[in-house]
Each structure stands twice: as C-alpha cells, then as structure tokens.
C-alpha cells in the first residue's frame, strides 16, 4: 500500500496478511504515489509518482533497484513486462515508455496520444501492452515486436479499440489477449472481444 497527503512524500507500507501493522515502511518518492505493481516473481515492486519518476524496489530489503527518469509529468501507471526485466510506464504527459530495469535505460517510447495514460497491462510473454487513458478512449493495444526473444529497435505497432466515452482507470485481459476489460470512472466495466465494439457489462 502507498499513501501521501497531497504534495507530501509518498510512502510504501508492507503488511503480512492478518497483521494489523505494516512490517516495513519507507519514503519512496518526493510526491504522491499514483500506481504500484509487484512483479510476477514477487521479488520487486514498481512505483510511479507525481514527482515524474518511476522506481523499482527490492521487496526483501526495501532498497532501490532502479530509478527511471524521462517523463515530463506525473507517472500514473506502471507494469512489469517480459520476465520482470522490463517496466512499462505511462504518464500524464501522454507518453508510454518501456525500460530495461537492470540497465535503467529506455528501450522504446510511444507518443501521439490525446490524453494522459491512466493504466497499463502486459499480456503473458510481454508481447502486447494494453493502455487506457483519460479521454474516454478504449484500450490502445501496443504490440511490441520481438525477434529471438528480444525487443527490436522498432517501438512496435499500435491499434485502438472503440471508445467508451468514459475515463478508464484500469485495464486487463484474458491470458490469450483476445478479450480486454476496462474499468471506468462511473464504476462500469467494459469488454472488447476480438476487437469488436465495447460492451458495457451488466452488474445484475
């Protein structure tokens, strides 16, 4: 969990299930933490902040593994990629960047969006990155091209699903990546199957 009063340093708290108090707390950023994700192997934590930085932490030691600097506004979304060696970040600057964590280097970037990025999700294997934004546009699917297991120098291709007319704050997909789900500002869940027009799911 992360918390911070507006404009104050962002803190991360770690709990063991069932405990009332966290067993570890540290200041991770100079401003509010807007997203955080644990890697698939459970060893590292990524945080994105209003201080324009993304950081990666060793959960066992709570020590910083990487500091990723390149966004010009809030980092609002983070997502671990292939083999937990990559991190995708999305910002209020309308940019998506993919980083090599160990080298703390940017591998590729995607721009040209009409609004800030609010959530990111990698499909298994790290071949496809899903992104949603603040303008009500649906999941923008970024297909990361790889050759022999490695990302090419090309940033990949992008295609967009139909708009839903709502700000989306979360996105995920089935394991095969064929069905995409997005969570909206008004509490609605939307579904796109095989690239078709979005369907608003009924809560009944």
Protein backbone atom coordinates (compact mmCIF):
# COMPACT_ATOMS: atom_id res chain seq x y z
CA UNK A 1 0.00 0.00 0.00
CA UNK A 2 1.09 3.59 -0.64
CA UNK A 3 -0.10 6.83 0.92
CA UNK A 4 0.72 10.51 0.92
CA UNK A 5 -1.07 13.77 1.71
CA UNK A 6 -1.17 15.96 -1.39
CA UNK A 7 2.30 17.23 -2.23
CA UNK A 8 3.96 15.32 0.63
CA UNK A 9 6.48 12.48 0.20
CA UNK A 10 4.91 9.18 -0.92
CA UNK A 11 5.36 6.24 1.43
CA UNK A 12 5.13 2.49 0.79
CA UNK A 13 3.84 0.17 3.52
CA UNK A 14 4.23 -3.63 3.53
CA UNK A 15 1.90 -5.89 5.53
CA UNK A 16 1.79 -9.58 6.21
CA UNK A 17 -1.72 -10.92 5.72
CA UNK A 18 -3.58 -10.81 9.04
CA UNK A 19 -1.26 -8.33 10.74
CA UNK A 20 -2.66 -5.02 11.96
CA UNK A 21 0.52 -3.02 11.40
CA UNK A 22 2.96 -2.92 8.47
CA UNK A 23 6.30 -4.66 8.96
CA UNK A 24 8.09 -2.18 6.71
CA UNK A 25 7.54 1.45 5.69
CA UNK A 26 9.74 3.75 3.64
CA UNK A 27 9.60 7.01 1.70
CA UNK A 28 9.68 6.06 -1.97
CA UNK A 29 9.03 9.39 -3.72
CA UNK A 30 9.02 13.13 -3.10
CA UNK A 31 5.35 13.37 -4.08
CA UNK A 32 2.21 11.19 -4.14
CA UNK A 33 2.47 7.62 -5.44
CA UNK A 34 -0.09 7.14 -8.19
CA UNK A 35 0.43 3.45 -9.06
CA UNK A 36 2.36 0.46 -7.81
CA UNK A 37 2.77 -3.14 -9.01
CA UNK A 38 4.52 -6.25 -7.70
CA UNK A 39 6.50 -8.32 -10.20
CA UNK A 40 5.27 -11.79 -11.17
CA UNK A 41 8.08 -13.43 -9.18
CA UNK A 42 7.14 -11.41 -6.09
CA UNK A 43 10.65 -10.04 -5.62
CA UNK A 44 10.32 -6.44 -6.76
CA UNK A 45 7.89 -3.55 -6.54
CA UNK A 46 7.46 -0.74 -9.07
CA UNK A 47 6.07 2.67 -8.13
CA UNK A 48 5.02 5.64 -10.24
CA UNK A 49 4.68 9.11 -8.78
CA UNK A 50 3.61 12.71 -9.25
CA UNK A 51 7.33 13.55 -8.94
CA UNK A 52 7.66 12.34 -12.59
CA UNK A 53 9.71 9.29 -11.62
CA UNK A 54 9.23 5.53 -11.64
CA UNK A 55 11.25 3.46 -9.20
CA UNK A 56 11.80 -0.26 -8.69
CA UNK A 57 12.38 -1.72 -5.22
CA UNK A 58 13.74 -4.96 -3.79
CA UNK A 59 10.90 -6.14 -1.54
CA UNK A 60 13.17 -8.18 0.72
CA UNK A 61 15.50 -5.29 1.54
CA UNK A 62 13.29 -2.30 0.61
CA UNK A 63 16.29 -0.94 -1.32
CA UNK A 64 16.01 0.87 -4.64
CA UNK A 65 16.86 -1.26 -7.68
CA UNK A 66 16.23 1.31 -10.40
CA UNK A 67 15.29 4.96 -10.83
CA UNK A 68 13.64 5.62 -14.20
CA UNK A 69 13.56 9.24 -15.29
CA UNK A 70 12.15 10.52 -18.56
CA UNK A 71 8.52 11.58 -18.18
CA UNK A 72 7.74 15.29 -18.14
CA UNK A 73 4.64 14.95 -15.93
CA UNK A 74 3.07 12.56 -13.42
CA UNK A 75 3.83 8.84 -13.85
CA UNK A 76 0.31 7.43 -13.46
CA UNK A 77 0.78 3.79 -14.50
CA UNK A 78 3.45 1.08 -14.22
CA UNK A 79 3.50 -2.54 -15.41
CA UNK A 80 6.19 -5.24 -15.35
CA UNK A 81 6.92 -6.83 -18.72
CA UNK A 82 8.80 -9.83 -20.05
CA UNK A 83 10.50 -11.93 -17.33
CA UNK A 84 10.10 -8.99 -14.91
CA UNK A 85 13.14 -7.46 -16.62
CA UNK A 86 11.16 -4.67 -18.26
CA UNK A 87 8.88 -1.97 -16.92
CA UNK A 88 6.33 0.00 -18.89
CA UNK A 89 5.39 3.44 -17.58
CA UNK A 90 2.56 5.74 -18.60
CA UNK A 91 2.26 9.41 -17.78
CA UNK A 92 0.05 12.46 -17.72
CA UNK A 93 2.43 13.67 -20.45
CA UNK A 94 0.57 11.27 -22.83
CA UNK A 95 3.70 9.13 -23.19
CA UNK A 96 4.32 5.40 -22.72
CA UNK A 97 7.88 4.25 -22.20
CA UNK A 98 9.37 0.75 -21.92
CA UNK A 99 12.51 0.40 -19.79
CA UNK A 100 15.24 -2.16 -19.20
CA UNK A 101 15.26 -2.28 -15.41
CA UNK A 102 18.80 -3.60 -14.86
CA UNK A 103 20.35 -1.01 -17.18
CA UNK A 104 17.89 1.72 -16.19
CA UNK A 105 17.64 2.55 -19.90
CA UNK A 106 14.66 3.40 -22.09
CA UNK A 107 14.12 0.72 -24.76
CA UNK A 108 11.21 2.30 -26.63
CA UNK A 109 8.58 5.02 -26.39
CA UNK A 110 5.07 5.60 -27.72
CA UNK A 111 3.63 9.10 -28.15
CA UNK A 112 0.88 10.90 -30.02
CA UNK A 113 -1.91 10.25 -27.53
CA UNK A 114 -4.72 12.74 -26.96
CA UNK A 115 -4.72 12.35 -23.16
CA UNK A 116 -2.72 11.07 -20.23
CA UNK A 117 -2.22 7.33 -19.64
CA UNK A 118 -4.03 6.01 -16.56
CA UNK A 119 -3.38 2.23 -16.60
CA UNK A 120 -1.16 -0.36 -18.27
CA UNK A 121 -1.22 -4.16 -18.53
CA UNK A 122 1.10 -6.65 -20.27
CA UNK A 123 -0.29 -9.86 -21.72
CA UNK A 124 1.66 -13.05 -20.80
CA UNK A 125 5.02 -13.23 -22.55
CA UNK A 126 5.30 -9.48 -22.84
CA UNK A 127 4.24 -9.32 -26.49
CA UNK A 128 1.33 -6.92 -26.09
CA UNK A 129 0.89 -3.89 -23.86
CA UNK A 130 -2.59 -2.55 -23.09
CA UNK A 131 -3.07 1.12 -22.22
CA UNK A 132 -6.09 3.25 -21.32
CA UNK A 133 -6.37 6.99 -20.85
CA UNK A 134 -8.20 10.00 -19.53
CA UNK A 135 -10.04 10.95 -22.71
CA UNK A 136 -12.52 8.06 -22.68
CA UNK A 137 -10.68 6.23 -25.45
CA UNK A 138 -10.61 2.49 -25.13
CA UNK A 139 -7.64 0.26 -24.71
CA UNK A 140 -4.86 1.25 -27.06
CA UNK A 141 -3.10 -2.02 -27.87
CA UNK A 142 0.63 -1.66 -28.39
CA UNK A 143 2.16 -4.73 -29.99
CA UNK A 144 5.82 -5.00 -29.04
CA UNK A 145 7.71 -6.80 -31.80
CA UNK A 146 10.37 -9.27 -30.69
CA UNK A 147 12.99 -11.28 -32.53
CA UNK A 148 14.60 -14.31 -30.88
CA UNK A 149 13.07 -13.27 -27.58
CA UNK A 150 14.45 -9.73 -27.69
CA UNK A 151 12.64 -6.48 -28.36
CA UNK A 152 13.51 -4.96 -31.73
CA UNK A 153 14.73 -1.41 -32.12
CA UNK A 154 11.32 -0.56 -33.60
CA UNK A 155 8.88 0.57 -30.91
CA UNK A 156 6.19 -1.72 -32.32
CA UNK A 157 2.78 -1.10 -33.83
CA UNK A 158 -0.39 0.24 -32.24
CA UNK A 159 -4.11 -0.19 -32.80
CA UNK A 160 -7.04 1.22 -30.87
CA UNK A 161 -10.29 -0.35 -29.78
CA UNK A 162 -13.60 1.51 -29.80
CA UNK A 163 -14.16 4.46 -27.47
CA UNK A 164 -16.48 4.16 -24.46
CA UNK A 165 -16.95 7.85 -23.65
CA UNK A 166 -15.68 7.43 -20.09
CA UNK A 167 -12.36 7.91 -18.33
CA UNK A 168 -10.82 4.46 -17.82
CA UNK A 169 -8.68 3.80 -14.76
CA UNK A 170 -7.89 0.09 -15.11
CA UNK A 171 -7.29 -2.47 -17.85
CA UNK A 172 -6.67 -6.21 -18.03
CA UNK A 173 -7.11 -9.07 -20.50
CA UNK A 174 -7.56 -12.81 -20.74
CA UNK A 175 -4.42 -14.94 -20.97
CA UNK A 176 -4.67 -15.19 -24.76
CA UNK A 177 -5.11 -11.42 -25.05
CA UNK A 178 -8.25 -11.75 -27.17
CA UNK A 179 -10.68 -10.29 -24.63
CA UNK A 180 -9.92 -6.95 -22.97
CA UNK A 181 -11.63 -5.43 -19.93
CA UNK A 182 -11.55 -1.82 -18.76
CA UNK A 183 -12.85 -0.15 -15.60
CA UNK A 184 -14.46 3.27 -15.92
CA UNK A 185 -14.80 6.40 -13.82
CA UNK A 186 -18.52 5.76 -13.24
CA UNK A 187 -17.89 2.23 -11.89
CA UNK A 188 -18.76 0.49 -15.15
CA UNK A 189 -16.80 -2.42 -16.63
CA UNK A 190 -16.40 -2.61 -20.40
CA UNK A 191 -15.41 -5.61 -22.53
CA UNK A 192 -13.90 -5.84 -26.01
CA UNK A 193 -13.88 -9.25 -27.69
CA UNK A 194 -11.68 -9.86 -30.72
CA UNK A 195 -11.52 -6.15 -31.48
CA UNK A 196 -15.29 -5.66 -31.60
CA UNK A 197 -17.13 -2.61 -30.28
CA UNK A 198 -17.09 -2.29 -26.49
CA UNK A 199 -19.86 -3.94 -24.48
CA UNK A 200 -20.85 -2.45 -21.12
CA UNK A 201 -21.25 -5.32 -18.66
CA UNK A 202 -24.44 -5.52 -16.61
CA UNK A 203 -23.86 -5.71 -12.84
CA UNK A 204 -27.15 -7.55 -12.23
